[in-house]
Amino acid sequence: MTLERIEAAIARVLEIVALILMLTLVVVIAWSVVGRQVFHVSVPWSEEIGAGLLMWMVMLGAAATWSRRRHITIDVLLRRIGLRPRYALSIFIELASLLLFAVAFKGAFSMMSVSANNSTTALGISYSYLYLALVIGLGAMIIFSLLHLGRLLRRGPSMVAVTETETEWNTSSSS
């Protein structure tokens, strides 16, 4: 199995887990609303579970999306410059992204360690488990960035070539 296939499989697993977490979040929030409005029962744990599910869902989904290079980008400049400058700028952007992820990862890891003895009010869950979502998500993004940077360096400028149809904006397409 090639490295790209392994990366795609990991991204797919992250995506599926994020989807399951989203569905679980919907169920938890729905139960909270139904319990409060229909059964007049307080569901004190729903806010904590909802926040944790949301954090994990966002970080795992963001990592999967980063692997596929599907985050929103402003690529007007990249579409307008020559191949060599585009290649150099792409490498710079990847290195800057790696720096950002590394700094955030270090902060998340530090917060996870510091909050090990602090727990949520309703369920008594350690806050470390919430920060673990950041550590795993950012760690995955770092790995995906390193893999992408390796591909950029190995394949060269042809990897960032823009086709004729990509050079102009097309507002009539659905993609």
Protein backbone atom coordinates (compact mmCIF):
# COMPACT_ATOMS: atom_id res chain seq x y z
CA MET A 1 0.00 0.00 0.00
CA THR A 2 1.45 3.37 -1.01
CA LEU A 3 1.91 6.27 1.38
CA GLU A 4 -0.75 8.29 -0.47
CA ARG A 5 -3.27 5.46 -0.10
CA ILE A 6 -2.50 5.17 3.61
CA GLU A 7 -2.94 8.95 3.96
CA ALA A 8 -6.27 8.77 2.11
CA ALA A 9 -7.43 5.88 4.29
CA ILE A 10 -6.53 7.73 7.50
CA ALA A 11 -8.29 10.86 6.24
CA ARG A 12 -11.36 8.76 5.41
CA VAL A 13 -11.40 7.26 8.91
CA LEU A 14 -11.12 10.73 10.44
CA GLU A 15 -13.95 11.91 8.22
CA ILE A 16 -16.22 8.99 9.18
CA VAL A 17 -15.52 9.46 12.88
CA ALA A 18 -16.26 13.20 12.54
CA LEU A 19 -19.55 12.35 10.82
CA ILE A 20 -20.50 9.92 13.61
CA LEU A 21 -19.64 12.58 16.17
CA MET A 22 -21.84 15.09 14.33
CA LEU A 23 -24.77 12.68 14.32
CA THR A 24 -24.21 11.98 18.01
CA LEU A 25 -24.12 15.72 18.69
CA VAL A 26 -27.48 16.15 16.94
CA VAL A 27 -28.98 13.36 19.06
CA VAL A 28 -27.59 14.81 22.31
CA ILE A 29 -28.87 18.31 21.56
CA ALA A 30 -32.23 16.98 20.38
CA TRP A 31 -32.57 14.96 23.59
CA SER A 32 -31.71 18.05 25.62
CA VAL A 33 -34.39 20.11 23.87
CA VAL A 34 -37.03 17.35 23.99
CA GLY A 35 -36.23 16.59 27.62
CA ARG A 36 -36.54 20.23 28.61
CA GLN A 37 -39.52 21.22 26.46
CA VAL A 38 -41.60 18.03 26.40
CA PHE A 39 -40.73 16.10 29.55
CA HIS A 40 -39.72 19.12 31.69
CA VAL A 41 -36.54 17.32 32.69
CA SER A 42 -33.19 19.02 33.03
CA VAL A 43 -30.34 17.42 31.09
CA PRO A 44 -27.30 18.98 32.76
CA TRP A 45 -24.73 16.82 30.98
CA SER A 46 -25.86 17.73 27.46
CA GLU A 47 -23.89 20.98 27.30
CA GLU A 48 -20.64 19.30 28.33
CA ILE A 49 -21.13 16.35 26.00
CA GLY A 50 -22.17 18.68 23.17
CA ALA A 51 -19.10 20.89 23.59
CA GLY A 52 -16.80 17.88 23.68
CA LEU A 53 -18.42 16.27 20.64
CA LEU A 54 -18.22 19.55 18.75
CA MET A 55 -14.54 20.01 19.53
CA TRP A 56 -13.64 16.47 18.48
CA MET A 57 -15.82 16.66 15.36
CA VAL A 58 -14.29 19.95 14.22
CA MET A 59 -10.68 18.89 14.79
CA LEU A 60 -11.01 15.47 13.15
CA GLY A 61 -13.00 16.92 10.26
CA ALA A 62 -10.49 19.74 9.82
CA ALA A 63 -7.63 17.24 9.69
CA ALA A 64 -9.41 15.11 7.08
CA THR A 65 -10.18 18.22 5.06
CA TRP A 66 -6.57 19.42 5.31
CA SER A 67 -5.39 16.08 3.96
CA ARG A 68 -7.48 16.60 0.82
CA ARG A 69 -6.59 20.29 0.52
CA ARG A 70 -10.26 21.25 0.70
CA HIS A 71 -10.10 24.15 3.17
CA ILE A 72 -11.22 27.48 1.79
CA THR A 73 -8.34 29.27 0.11
CA ILE A 74 -7.87 32.57 -1.63
CA ASP A 75 -5.84 31.55 -4.65
CA VAL A 76 -6.20 34.58 -6.91
CA LEU A 77 -2.48 35.34 -6.69
CA LEU A 78 -1.48 31.71 -7.21
CA ARG A 79 -3.60 31.55 -10.36
CA ARG A 80 -2.04 34.71 -11.80
CA ILE A 81 1.69 34.15 -11.30
CA GLY A 82 4.12 31.99 -13.25
CA LEU A 83 4.84 28.36 -12.53
CA ARG A 84 8.17 28.81 -10.68
CA PRO A 85 6.92 31.61 -8.37
CA ARG A 86 3.72 29.61 -7.75
CA TYR A 87 5.83 26.60 -6.79
CA ALA A 88 8.01 28.67 -4.44
CA LEU A 89 4.93 30.32 -2.89
CA SER A 90 3.26 26.92 -2.45
CA ILE A 91 6.29 25.66 -0.54
CA PHE A 92 6.32 28.82 1.58
CA ILE A 93 2.59 28.45 2.35
CA GLU A 94 3.11 24.82 3.37
CA LEU A 95 6.03 25.73 5.64
CA ALA A 96 4.02 28.59 7.19
CA SER A 97 1.09 26.23 7.76
CA LEU A 98 3.43 23.74 9.42
CA LEU A 99 4.75 26.48 11.71
CA LEU A 100 1.22 27.52 12.68
CA PHE A 101 0.19 23.93 13.35
CA ALA A 102 3.35 23.25 15.38
CA VAL A 103 2.81 26.32 17.59
CA ALA A 104 -0.86 25.45 18.11
CA PHE A 105 0.06 21.79 18.77
CA LYS A 106 2.60 22.83 21.41
CA GLY A 107 -0.01 25.06 23.07
CA ALA A 108 -2.68 22.37 22.97
CA PHE A 109 -0.29 19.77 24.39
CA SER A 110 0.67 22.20 27.16
CA MET A 111 -2.99 22.92 27.96
CA MET A 112 -3.73 19.21 27.99
CA SER A 113 -0.99 18.65 30.56
CA VAL A 114 -1.93 21.65 32.70
CA SER A 115 -5.64 20.76 32.78
CA ALA A 116 -5.14 17.09 33.68
CA ASN A 117 -6.48 17.64 37.20
CA ASN A 118 -9.38 19.90 36.20
CA SER A 119 -12.68 18.28 35.38
CA THR A 120 -16.05 19.31 34.01
CA THR A 121 -18.81 20.19 36.44
CA ALA A 122 -21.62 17.80 35.49
CA LEU A 123 -19.72 14.68 34.46
CA GLY A 124 -16.33 15.10 36.10
CA ILE A 125 -14.47 14.42 32.84
CA SER A 126 -10.89 15.70 32.73
CA TYR A 127 -10.42 18.68 30.42
CA SER A 128 -7.40 16.83 29.06
CA TYR A 129 -9.77 14.76 26.93
CA LEU A 130 -11.08 17.93 25.30
CA TYR A 131 -7.58 19.24 24.59
CA LEU A 132 -6.65 15.80 23.27
CA ALA A 133 -8.92 16.57 20.30
CA LEU A 134 -6.69 19.55 19.46
CA VAL A 135 -3.54 17.49 19.89
CA ILE A 136 -4.78 14.69 17.63
CA GLY A 137 -6.30 17.01 15.02
CA LEU A 138 -3.28 19.30 14.83
CA GLY A 139 -0.91 16.34 14.93
CA ALA A 140 -2.71 14.83 11.95
CA MET A 141 -2.55 18.16 10.12
CA ILE A 142 1.21 18.33 10.75
CA ILE A 143 1.65 14.83 9.33
CA PHE A 144 -0.55 15.62 6.31
CA SER A 145 1.41 18.85 5.72
CA LEU A 146 4.73 17.04 5.87
CA LEU A 147 3.45 14.47 3.37
CA HIS A 148 2.19 17.23 1.07
CA LEU A 149 5.48 19.13 1.36
CA GLY A 150 7.32 15.93 0.49
CA ARG A 151 5.16 15.52 -2.61
CA LEU A 152 5.78 19.15 -3.58
CA LEU A 153 9.53 18.72 -3.29
CA ARG A 154 9.57 15.33 -5.01
CA ARG A 155 7.29 16.21 -7.94
CA GLY A 156 8.49 19.74 -8.47
CA PRO A 157 6.72 22.69 -10.12
CA SER A 158 4.48 20.50 -12.27
CA MET A 159 2.47 19.69 -9.12
CA VAL A 160 1.20 23.27 -8.93
CA ALA A 161 0.56 23.78 -12.64
CA VAL A 162 -2.71 25.55 -13.43
CA THR A 163 -4.74 24.38 -16.40
CA GLU A 164 -6.32 26.79 -18.88
CA THR A 165 -9.80 26.28 -17.44
CA GLU A 166 -8.57 27.15 -13.93
CA THR A 167 -7.09 30.53 -14.83
CA GLU A 168 -10.43 32.32 -15.11
CA TRP A 169 -13.31 32.48 -12.67
CA ASN A 170 -16.39 30.63 -13.76
CA THR A 171 -19.50 31.55 -11.82
CA SER A 172 -21.76 29.34 -13.87
CA SER A 173 -20.26 26.01 -12.78
CA SER A 174 -21.62 24.14 -9.82
CA SER A 175 -18.24 22.94 -8.56
